[in-house]
Structures are given as structure tokens and as C-alpha cells.
Amino acid sequence: MKQLNKYSFGVGDRFGHQGEAQLKAFIRAKEAGLDISPVWNKSNREHEIIGTGPADVRKEADNAVKSLGWSDNYFVDADHINLATVDRFIEPSDFFTIDVASYIGKPAPAGDIDAFVTNCSEYTGEVTIPGISETFRISTEDIRKVAEQYLYAAKMAGEIYRTIEKVKGVGNFITEVSMDEVPSPQTPIELFFILKMLSNEKVPVQTIAPKFSGRFNKGVNYVGDVNGFAVEFEQDVLVLKEAVKEFGLPENLKLSVHSGSDKFAIYPHIGRIIKKYNTGIHVKTAGTTWLEEVIGLAKADGEALEFVKGIYEKALQKQEELCAPYADVIDIKAENLPSAEEVKNWSAKKMVDSLTHDNSCKDYNPDMRQLVHVGYKLAAMQVDRYFELLEKYSKIVNDCVFTNIYERHMKLLFEL
């Protein structure tokens, strides 16, 4: 049976050139004494924008693993798939992030809701979850409300899982369920009953991505109450532990944090809590690697820097179009974006400092970074030239990708 390591880390690579640079970070972590499963992930939307397919991600992962002699677990994630998009991912993928966000709030059949409420009657009254000091008072009506909100989504997760299982076979892939791209966080009790629903659907979920409080904007740091996040995260860890015992879910079930990349402020809290409870974590990044490619090209100066400046100029012109698909996960203050005329005169260092996520640097511009983050479509529109530059300046770019994943992410999260 395929099983995630205790720790796993999802790395997006929109243009498919950084597999080896990414894997070197996992090799360095292993040398430091920590086994982390690499998971290459790419969404259907990214494939459509760039013109790639799921088989390309499999090829990149396999080639990197072969080239560097990696002998441990690694996976290829069908990222944020639903019933409409799953089919094209089934053959090359062995990790499936089943995204149920669009199904949440849709009503399941009344009879199914009634049956679930009856099935959960033992959880009415005072409910305690070991480790959580708060006692939860649960009524039949509370369970019904959770079922009305989430039961249809859980049933769709079951349907998608069985679609995959029919082709891949039992135990031949990792299942994650994602419900993070919704407006409101799930409470600990909601998460408890959602896991009950997934158990009833016989979905062997190994990792689940709930919605957490705060903003998880693309490419920039966490925005919100970090201490409040820590409380929420710890309660969710304890809910998962209890759900494993209560519902017979996989023993390695763990939380997944879809970070939007670079949520450095909450990493120390996550690291502390997973050590406290000796539990695992899956962290998924997406556009970080694309940003590091851009930063690497800017650092290379000359023609590469001019290409980056051109990308930024076009991003300003097409800001509304580029931002629309990501409206819920970006907060760009237009008044903080430098003009194209101003940027034309910037040095390589000024461009690199503006785009590099370093809060201690006076030139770091998170608004500019977010705009470039969603602007990868512009590189895809001139992909031959982009690939030519990536290959010509590969050493600089590869170093940026490796350093970002290992030095900024893994070392902070796992205290390496």
C-alpha cells in the first residue's frame, strides 16, 4: 500500500525545469537526518495555461529521481481535481488532492442527511476530544447543520475516490481531501464529523486540508493572528488523532497546509505542534518555484533581467485579467506597484530585492511579488524564449530554487 512519509512537502513547478533543483532540497534534508517525501503538484488550471499535461509532471519527477539517485518515496499529485477534471490525471498520478470546495453547501438527499444524523446519535450531548480543554455540547440539530453543509461534498469525495480506485486499484495511490478554498474555516467539531462522513464513504484519506483562519495569499506571508492559528492548528491535530481511533481512518492521517507559498510566520508554530504530538504534516507550495526562476533570471542581469522587466511591464498592463482567477487569494495594493518606466532603470539587485521574500529588506515589495506570482501566463506566451533563458542561466536559477525550498522552508519548518 502506498503511504506518505510522516513528513511530506508539495512542490509546484509550473514550467517543469526545476525537478532536480527541488529534489536536492530533499536530499539535503535527508543528509540532515529528516526523511521528507517530495510531492510534485500541478493543477488542471496551470496545465491549461501553460499547455502541459499530467504526464509531463510524471516525466519530470521520474527523471529527477533517476538523475539524482533518489531511492525513497516520491509522488506526483493531481492537484485540486474534481469529478470534471480527474480523468486526465489518473494514469500518471499516484497522489490525488480531491477538492470538494465547490460541493460544500450543496444539499445531500434528505434521506442521506437523516441517516447520517441517526448514525451519529452517540455523539450528542457533551463531547470531549482528548487534549482539548473545551467541552463541546452537541445537539441533533448541530449534527444536522454539519450534514447539510458538508455531506454532499463528502459523498462527492467518495465518488471521485472510487473513480480513481476503479482504474488504479486499492492501495495504489495517496488520497488527500481539500476544503481550504472556501470563505470560512471549519470548526474542530465540523472537522470531526467531516472525517466521519469520509469514513462512511470508505475514503482512506491520508491527509486533509481544512480551511484555516487568516489570509493565505499567494507568494507572501501569512496575514492574521499567528497565535490564533496555532490554537486552531493544534485543535485540528487532536481532532485527527481522535478521528483515527473513532472511525478507523488510516493511522498516518495528517493535516495538509496549502500555504500559497511562503507562510513563514506560522512555520515555527506548526513545527512545535507536530513535535509535541509526534504527528506528521504535509505542506503544499505552488508558485514559489516560478518566482524563484524569475528572481534567478533577474540576478543573471543583462538579457535575462530585461526579460523579467518585460514580464512585469505586461503584468501591469494585464493586471485585471491576471488577478481575476486568484481574486480570493491575493491582496495587491496598486498604489504600491512601481511603474514600468521606473522599473526599466532598476539594477539587477534592485529587482531581486524587490521580489525576494525577505521582510528585513527595505526594497522587498509584497504587492509586486504577488503580481508576478500570478503572471506566469505571460512567460507561457513566450515559452521558447523563457526556456532558452532558463537553460542558459540554469546554475543561477537552480541555486535560487534549491535555496528557497531548503533554507527558507524546510529549515524553518523542521528546525534543520
Protein backbone atom coordinates (compact mmCIF):
# COMPACT_ATOMS: atom_id res chain seq x y z
CA MET A 1 0.00 0.00 0.00
CA LYS A 2 1.34 3.43 -0.93
CA GLN A 3 1.91 5.53 2.13
CA LEU A 4 3.21 9.02 2.71
CA ASN A 5 6.19 9.55 4.96
CA LYS A 6 5.43 11.23 8.25
CA TYR A 7 6.58 14.48 6.65
CA SER A 8 5.83 15.40 3.05
CA PHE A 9 6.26 18.56 1.05
CA GLY A 10 4.49 19.52 -2.15
CA VAL A 11 6.48 21.42 -4.73
CA GLY A 12 4.88 23.06 -7.71
CA ASP A 13 6.94 23.53 -10.86
CA ARG A 14 4.82 25.31 -13.41
CA PHE A 15 7.31 25.10 -16.26
CA GLY A 16 8.84 21.72 -15.42
CA HIS A 17 12.51 22.73 -15.39
CA GLN A 18 13.38 22.58 -11.69
CA GLY A 19 12.79 18.95 -10.69
CA GLU A 20 16.42 18.28 -9.84
CA ALA A 21 16.92 21.59 -8.04
CA GLN A 22 13.83 20.86 -5.93
CA LEU A 23 14.85 17.29 -5.18
CA LYS A 24 18.28 18.45 -3.99
CA ALA A 25 16.49 20.16 -1.09
CA PHE A 26 15.00 16.83 -0.02
CA ILE A 27 18.39 15.17 -0.35
CA ARG A 28 19.95 17.85 1.84
CA ALA A 29 17.17 17.36 4.42
CA LYS A 30 17.84 13.62 4.41
CA GLU A 31 21.53 14.28 4.98
CA ALA A 32 20.46 16.40 7.97
CA GLY A 33 18.52 13.42 9.35
CA LEU A 34 14.97 14.05 8.17
CA ASP A 35 13.01 11.97 5.66
CA ILE A 36 10.54 14.10 3.72
CA SER A 37 8.50 12.75 0.82
CA PRO A 38 8.68 15.02 -2.23
CA VAL A 39 5.33 15.51 -3.94
CA TRP A 40 5.30 17.25 -7.31
CA ASN A 41 1.97 19.01 -7.79
CA LYS A 42 0.34 20.88 -10.65
CA SER A 43 -3.30 21.86 -11.09
CA ASN A 44 -5.51 21.49 -14.12
CA ARG A 45 -5.69 25.28 -14.45
CA GLU A 46 -1.89 25.53 -14.59
CA HIS A 47 -1.71 22.78 -17.21
CA GLU A 48 -4.26 24.58 -19.35
CA ILE A 49 -2.48 27.94 -19.10
CA ILE A 50 0.97 26.55 -19.85
CA GLY A 51 -0.10 23.89 -22.33
CA THR A 52 1.26 20.88 -20.46
CA GLY A 53 -0.38 17.70 -19.20
CA PRO A 54 -0.18 15.49 -16.10
CA ALA A 55 2.18 13.09 -17.89
CA ASP A 56 4.73 15.91 -18.10
CA VAL A 57 4.85 16.16 -14.30
CA ARG A 58 5.37 12.42 -14.00
CA LYS A 59 8.20 12.59 -16.53
CA GLU A 60 9.87 15.46 -14.68
CA ALA A 61 9.65 13.70 -11.31
CA ASP A 62 10.89 10.36 -12.64
CA ASN A 63 13.79 11.99 -14.48
CA ALA A 64 14.89 13.96 -11.41
CA VAL A 65 14.71 10.89 -9.20
CA LYS A 66 16.70 8.81 -11.69
CA SER A 67 19.29 11.51 -12.29
CA LEU A 68 19.99 12.11 -8.59
CA GLY A 69 19.58 8.51 -7.41
CA TRP A 70 16.70 9.19 -5.02
CA SER A 71 15.54 5.85 -3.61
CA ASP A 72 12.86 6.93 -1.14
CA ASN A 73 9.16 7.70 -1.62
CA TYR A 74 8.11 10.36 -4.07
CA PHE A 75 4.74 11.20 -5.57
CA VAL A 76 3.01 13.07 -8.38
CA ASP A 77 -0.06 14.96 -7.20
CA ALA A 78 -3.20 15.56 -9.25
CA ASP A 79 -3.68 18.90 -7.57
CA HIS A 80 -7.17 20.21 -6.75
CA ILE A 81 -9.04 17.81 -9.02
CA ASN A 82 -12.78 17.28 -9.05
CA LEU A 83 -15.12 14.96 -10.93
CA ALA A 84 -14.88 17.07 -14.09
CA THR A 85 -11.07 17.06 -14.23
CA VAL A 86 -9.91 13.81 -12.61
CA ASP A 87 -9.82 11.54 -15.66
CA ARG A 88 -6.76 13.03 -17.38
CA PHE A 89 -4.75 12.74 -14.15
CA ILE A 90 -5.47 9.14 -13.23
CA GLU A 91 -2.81 7.29 -15.20
CA PRO A 92 0.31 9.39 -14.41
CA SER A 93 -0.56 10.40 -10.82
CA ASP A 94 -0.28 8.49 -7.56
CA PHE A 95 -1.41 11.26 -5.20
CA PHE A 96 -4.82 12.88 -5.64
CA THR A 97 -5.90 16.10 -3.96
CA ILE A 98 -9.68 15.76 -4.15
CA ASP A 99 -11.02 19.30 -3.95
CA VAL A 100 -14.56 19.39 -2.58
CA ALA A 101 -14.82 23.16 -2.08
CA SER A 102 -17.31 23.63 -4.92
CA TYR A 103 -19.59 20.95 -3.43
CA ILE A 104 -19.73 22.40 0.09
CA GLY A 105 -23.11 23.86 0.96
CA LYS A 106 -24.96 21.89 -1.69
CA PRO A 107 -27.70 19.70 -0.20
CA ALA A 108 -27.38 15.94 0.01
CA PRO A 109 -30.62 13.95 -0.33
CA ALA A 110 -32.82 14.42 2.76
CA GLY A 111 -32.79 10.69 3.47
CA ASP A 112 -28.99 10.64 3.49
CA ILE A 113 -28.90 13.55 5.92
CA ASP A 114 -31.41 11.83 8.20
CA ALA A 115 -29.39 8.61 8.08
CA PHE A 116 -26.17 10.43 8.97
CA VAL A 117 -27.80 12.22 11.89
CA THR A 118 -29.15 8.91 13.21
CA ASN A 119 -25.76 7.24 12.68
CA CYS A 120 -24.12 9.95 14.82
CA SER A 121 -26.62 9.90 17.68
CA GLU A 122 -23.96 8.61 20.09
CA TYR A 123 -22.12 11.94 19.72
CA THR A 124 -24.96 14.08 21.05
CA GLY A 125 -24.59 15.64 24.48
CA GLU A 126 -21.22 16.56 25.96
CA VAL A 127 -18.32 15.57 23.72
CA THR A 128 -14.68 15.80 24.71
CA ILE A 129 -11.68 15.38 22.48
CA PRO A 130 -8.54 14.31 24.36
CA GLY A 131 -6.13 17.22 24.65
CA ILE A 132 -8.71 19.94 24.01
CA SER A 133 -9.73 21.57 27.27
CA GLU A 134 -13.04 22.80 25.87
CA THR A 135 -16.07 20.52 26.18
CA PHE A 136 -18.36 20.58 23.16
CA ARG A 137 -22.12 20.37 23.59
CA ILE A 138 -23.54 18.68 20.51
CA SER A 139 -27.23 18.55 19.67
CA THR A 140 -29.00 16.59 16.99
CA GLU A 141 -29.61 19.89 15.23
CA ASP A 142 -25.87 20.67 15.30
CA ILE A 143 -25.11 17.39 13.53
CA ARG A 144 -27.85 18.09 11.01
CA LYS A 145 -26.36 21.51 10.22
CA VAL A 146 -22.94 19.97 9.61
CA ALA A 147 -24.52 17.34 7.38
CA GLU A 148 -26.44 19.97 5.41
CA GLN A 149 -23.21 21.85 4.82
CA TYR A 150 -20.73 19.04 4.17
CA LEU A 151 -22.40 15.67 3.50
CA TYR A 152 -22.85 16.22 -0.23
CA ALA A 153 -19.18 17.25 -0.51
CA ALA A 154 -18.09 14.10 1.35
CA LYS A 155 -20.22 11.96 -0.93
CA MET A 156 -18.64 13.59 -3.97
CA ALA A 157 -15.20 12.89 -2.47
CA GLY A 158 -16.29 9.26 -2.26
CA GLU A 159 -17.44 9.25 -5.86
CA ILE A 160 -14.19 10.79 -7.08
CA TYR A 161 -12.14 8.39 -4.96
CA ARG A 162 -13.98 5.38 -6.42
CA THR A 163 -13.45 6.74 -9.95
CA ILE A 164 -9.70 6.71 -9.29
CA GLU A 165 -9.74 3.39 -7.44
CA LYS A 166 -11.52 1.69 -10.33
CA VAL A 167 -8.50 2.40 -12.53
CA LYS A 168 -5.59 2.45 -10.07
CA GLY A 169 -6.72 -0.29 -7.70
CA VAL A 170 -6.96 -0.29 -3.91
CA GLY A 171 -3.89 1.00 -2.07
CA ASN A 172 -2.06 2.21 -5.18
CA PHE A 173 -2.40 5.95 -4.57
CA ILE A 174 -2.49 8.57 -1.83
CA THR A 175 -5.78 10.35 -1.12
CA GLU A 176 -5.97 13.90 0.17
CA VAL A 177 -9.25 15.77 0.65
CA SER A 178 -9.10 19.53 0.31
CA MET A 179 -11.67 22.02 1.59
CA ASP A 180 -9.42 25.02 2.07
CA GLU A 181 -10.63 27.23 -0.77
CA VAL A 182 -13.83 28.33 0.98
CA PRO A 183 -14.72 31.56 2.83
CA SER A 184 -14.98 30.20 6.40
CA PRO A 185 -12.78 27.84 8.45
CA GLN A 186 -14.21 24.55 9.65
CA THR A 187 -14.58 24.28 13.42
CA PRO A 188 -12.97 21.32 15.24
CA ILE A 189 -16.38 19.67 15.59
CA GLU A 190 -17.20 20.21 11.92
CA LEU A 191 -13.86 18.62 11.01
CA PHE A 192 -14.64 15.69 13.32
CA PHE A 193 -17.95 14.97 11.57
CA ILE A 194 -16.46 15.56 8.11
CA LEU A 195 -13.95 12.81 8.88
CA LYS A 196 -16.84 10.62 9.98
CA MET A 197 -18.50 11.26 6.62
CA LEU A 198 -15.31 10.34 4.74
CA SER A 199 -15.02 7.18 6.78
CA ASN A 200 -18.63 6.28 5.92
CA GLU A 201 -17.72 6.79 2.26
CA LYS A 202 -14.72 4.48 2.76
CA VAL A 203 -12.28 7.12 1.58
CA PRO A 204 -8.85 6.15 3.02
CA VAL A 205 -7.79 9.75 3.45
CA GLN A 206 -4.13 10.11 4.46
CA THR A 207 -4.12 13.90 4.56
CA ILE A 208 -6.81 16.56 4.79
CA ALA A 209 -6.55 20.26 4.03
CA PRO A 210 -9.06 22.29 6.05
CA LYS A 211 -9.59 25.99 5.78
CA PHE A 212 -7.64 27.84 8.47
CA SER A 213 -8.27 31.32 9.80
CA GLY A 214 -6.27 34.20 8.36
CA ARG A 215 -5.21 35.03 4.82
CA PHE A 216 -3.13 32.59 2.77
CA ASN A 217 -2.33 34.97 -0.06
CA LYS A 218 -0.22 33.77 -2.97
CA GLY A 219 3.51 34.16 -2.60
CA VAL A 220 3.57 36.24 0.59
CA ASN A 221 3.48 35.68 4.32
CA TYR A 222 0.54 34.66 6.48
CA VAL A 223 -1.78 37.53 7.36
CA GLY A 224 -3.67 37.11 10.61
CA ASP A 225 -3.34 36.18 14.26
CA VAL A 226 -0.49 33.66 14.36
CA ASN A 227 -1.29 32.64 17.93
CA GLY A 228 -4.92 32.10 16.98
CA PHE A 229 -3.76 29.97 14.07
CA ALA A 230 -1.60 27.90 16.44
CA VAL A 231 -4.60 27.17 18.69
CA GLU A 232 -6.71 26.22 15.69
CA PHE A 233 -3.99 24.02 14.18
CA GLU A 234 -3.36 22.22 17.48
CA GLN A 235 -7.07 21.50 17.93
CA ASP A 236 -7.27 20.11 14.40
CA VAL A 237 -4.28 17.84 15.09
CA LEU A 238 -6.11 16.46 18.13
CA VAL A 239 -9.34 16.03 16.17
CA LEU A 240 -7.48 13.95 13.58
CA LYS A 241 -5.95 11.75 16.28
CA GLU A 242 -9.38 11.09 17.77
CA ALA A 243 -11.00 10.52 14.38
CA VAL A 244 -8.42 7.87 13.51
CA LYS A 245 -9.40 5.92 16.63
CA GLU A 246 -13.13 6.53 16.34
CA PHE A 247 -13.65 6.00 12.62
CA GLY A 248 -10.93 3.58 11.56
CA LEU A 249 -9.20 6.06 9.25
CA PRO A 250 -5.54 5.49 8.23
CA GLU A 251 -3.20 5.79 11.19
CA ASN A 252 -0.92 8.18 9.30
CA LEU A 253 -3.72 10.69 8.68
CA LYS A 254 -2.28 14.19 8.95
CA LEU A 255 -3.09 17.80 8.26
CA SER A 256 -2.20 19.44 4.97
CA VAL A 257 -1.45 23.14 4.83
CA HIS A 258 -1.98 24.64 1.39
CA SER A 259 0.32 27.51 2.03
CA GLY A 260 0.00 29.61 -1.10
CA SER A 261 3.78 29.51 -0.62
CA ASP A 262 5.96 31.17 1.97
CA LYS A 263 3.83 31.24 5.15
CA PHE A 264 6.95 31.65 7.23
CA ALA A 265 5.17 33.27 10.19
CA ILE A 266 3.24 30.10 11.03
CA TYR A 267 6.00 27.56 10.31
CA PRO A 268 7.51 27.69 13.84
CA HIS A 269 4.05 27.05 15.34
CA ILE A 270 3.41 24.12 13.01
CA GLY A 271 6.84 22.69 13.77
CA ARG A 272 6.34 22.99 17.52
CA ILE A 273 2.90 21.36 17.49
CA ILE A 274 3.76 18.41 15.26
CA LYS A 275 6.74 17.67 17.51
CA LYS A 276 4.59 17.97 20.63
CA TYR A 277 2.16 15.34 19.35
CA ASN A 278 4.64 13.31 17.30
CA THR A 279 2.48 13.70 14.21
CA GLY A 280 3.13 14.37 10.56
CA ILE A 281 2.47 17.28 8.23
CA HIS A 282 2.02 17.86 4.52
CA VAL A 283 2.83 21.34 3.26
CA LYS A 284 1.97 22.28 -0.29
CA THR A 285 3.61 25.15 -2.12
CA ALA A 286 2.72 26.22 -5.62
CA GLY A 287 4.17 29.30 -7.31
CA THR A 288 7.31 29.65 -5.23
CA THR A 289 9.44 27.91 -7.86
CA TRP A 290 8.17 30.16 -10.66
CA LEU A 291 9.02 33.20 -8.56
CA GLU A 292 12.50 31.84 -7.88
CA GLU A 293 13.01 31.33 -11.62
CA VAL A 294 12.12 34.98 -12.16
CA ILE A 295 14.42 36.08 -9.34
CA GLY A 296 17.23 33.92 -10.72
CA LEU A 297 16.86 35.46 -14.17
CA ALA A 298 16.84 38.95 -12.65
CA LYS A 299 20.00 38.07 -10.75
CA ALA A 300 21.64 36.93 -14.00
CA ASP A 301 21.33 40.53 -15.27
CA GLY A 302 21.63 41.53 -18.92
CA GLU A 303 19.14 39.94 -21.32
CA ALA A 304 17.59 37.85 -18.55
CA LEU A 305 16.90 40.91 -16.41
CA GLU A 306 15.36 42.67 -19.42
CA PHE A 307 13.06 39.68 -19.95
CA VAL A 308 11.90 39.92 -16.33
CA LYS A 309 11.29 43.65 -16.67
CA GLY A 310 9.21 42.90 -19.77
CA ILE A 311 7.14 40.36 -17.84
CA TYR A 312 6.48 42.93 -15.13
CA GLU A 313 5.51 45.63 -17.66
CA LYS A 314 3.00 43.28 -19.32
CA ALA A 315 1.69 42.22 -15.90
CA LEU A 316 0.89 45.84 -15.11
CA GLN A 317 -0.97 46.14 -18.41
CA LYS A 318 -2.93 42.91 -17.85
CA GLN A 319 -3.31 43.18 -14.09
CA GLU A 320 -7.08 42.77 -14.03
CA GLU A 321 -7.02 39.70 -16.30
CA LEU A 322 -4.17 38.02 -14.40
CA CYS A 323 -5.62 38.67 -10.96
CA ALA A 324 -9.23 37.65 -11.66
CA PRO A 325 -8.75 33.86 -11.22
CA TYR A 326 -6.88 34.46 -7.96
CA ALA A 327 -9.07 37.19 -6.52
CA ASP A 328 -9.70 35.30 -3.25
CA VAL A 329 -6.02 34.65 -2.55
CA ILE A 330 -4.25 37.90 -3.40
CA ASP A 331 -4.33 41.38 -1.90
CA ILE A 332 -2.46 43.73 -4.20
CA LYS A 333 -2.36 47.44 -3.39
CA ALA A 334 -2.00 49.06 -6.80
CA GLU A 335 -0.53 52.22 -5.30
CA ASN A 336 2.49 50.20 -4.12
CA LEU A 337 3.33 48.88 -7.59
CA PRO A 338 6.22 50.74 -9.25
CA SER A 339 5.60 51.92 -12.79
CA ALA A 340 7.11 50.17 -15.78
CA GLU A 341 9.13 53.32 -16.52
CA GLU A 342 10.62 53.27 -13.04
CA VAL A 343 11.48 49.58 -13.22
CA LYS A 344 13.21 50.00 -16.60
CA ASN A 345 16.04 51.78 -14.80
CA TRP A 346 16.42 49.27 -11.97
CA SER A 347 19.59 47.32 -11.40
CA ALA A 348 19.57 43.54 -11.08
CA LYS A 349 19.97 43.90 -7.31
CA LYS A 350 17.01 46.24 -7.01
CA MET A 351 14.78 43.84 -8.95
CA VAL A 352 15.97 40.82 -6.95
CA ASP A 353 15.50 42.60 -3.62
CA SER A 354 12.02 43.77 -4.60
CA LEU A 355 10.83 40.26 -5.46
CA THR A 356 12.63 38.18 -2.82
CA HIS A 357 10.51 37.37 0.23
CA ASP A 358 12.69 38.95 2.89
CA ASN A 359 10.86 41.20 5.31
CA SER A 360 14.14 42.59 6.62
CA CYS A 361 14.99 44.07 3.21
CA LYS A 362 13.76 47.64 2.72
CA ASP A 363 13.20 47.08 -1.01
CA TYR A 364 11.03 43.96 -0.65
CA ASN A 365 7.67 44.67 -2.29
CA PRO A 366 4.99 42.07 -1.49
CA ASP A 367 2.49 43.70 -3.86
CA MET A 368 4.89 43.42 -6.76
CA ARG A 369 5.70 39.85 -5.75
CA GLN A 370 2.03 38.87 -5.78
CA LEU A 371 1.50 40.38 -9.21
CA VAL A 372 4.47 38.50 -10.66
CA HIS A 373 3.25 35.34 -8.89
CA VAL A 374 0.01 35.36 -10.90
CA GLY A 375 1.78 36.50 -14.07
CA TYR A 376 3.26 33.15 -15.10
CA LYS A 377 0.85 33.12 -18.05
CA LEU A 378 2.98 35.86 -19.61
CA ALA A 379 6.05 33.62 -19.65
CA ALA A 380 3.93 30.82 -21.11
CA MET A 381 3.03 33.14 -24.00
CA GLN A 382 6.72 33.36 -24.96
CA VAL A 383 7.73 29.98 -23.65
CA ASP A 384 10.52 29.22 -26.13
CA ARG A 385 12.40 32.36 -25.14
CA TYR A 386 11.71 31.70 -21.47
CA PHE A 387 13.06 28.16 -21.68
CA GLU A 388 16.11 29.39 -23.58
CA LEU A 389 16.91 31.77 -20.72
CA LEU A 390 16.23 29.17 -18.03
CA GLU A 391 18.68 26.82 -19.67
CA LYS A 392 21.31 29.47 -20.37
CA TYR A 393 21.28 30.70 -16.76
CA SER A 394 20.37 27.37 -15.16
CA LYS A 395 23.02 27.41 -12.44
CA ILE A 396 21.87 30.74 -11.01
CA VAL A 397 18.19 29.78 -11.28
CA ASN A 398 18.68 26.29 -9.83
CA ASP A 399 20.53 27.73 -6.85
CA CYS A 400 17.65 30.11 -6.18
CA VAL A 401 15.11 27.26 -6.30
CA PHE A 402 17.14 24.99 -4.00
CA THR A 403 17.94 27.75 -1.51
CA ASN A 404 14.32 28.81 -1.26
CA ILE A 405 12.97 25.33 -0.55
CA TYR A 406 15.69 24.17 1.80
CA GLU A 407 16.89 27.33 3.56
CA ARG A 408 13.62 29.26 3.83
CA HIS A 409 11.04 26.50 4.05
CA MET A 410 12.44 23.22 5.33
CA LYS A 411 14.94 24.60 7.82
CA LEU A 412 12.35 26.89 9.37
CA LEU A 413 9.53 24.37 9.43
CA PHE A 414 11.51 21.38 10.66
CA GLU A 415 14.29 23.22 12.56
CA LEU A 416 17.02 21.58 10.49
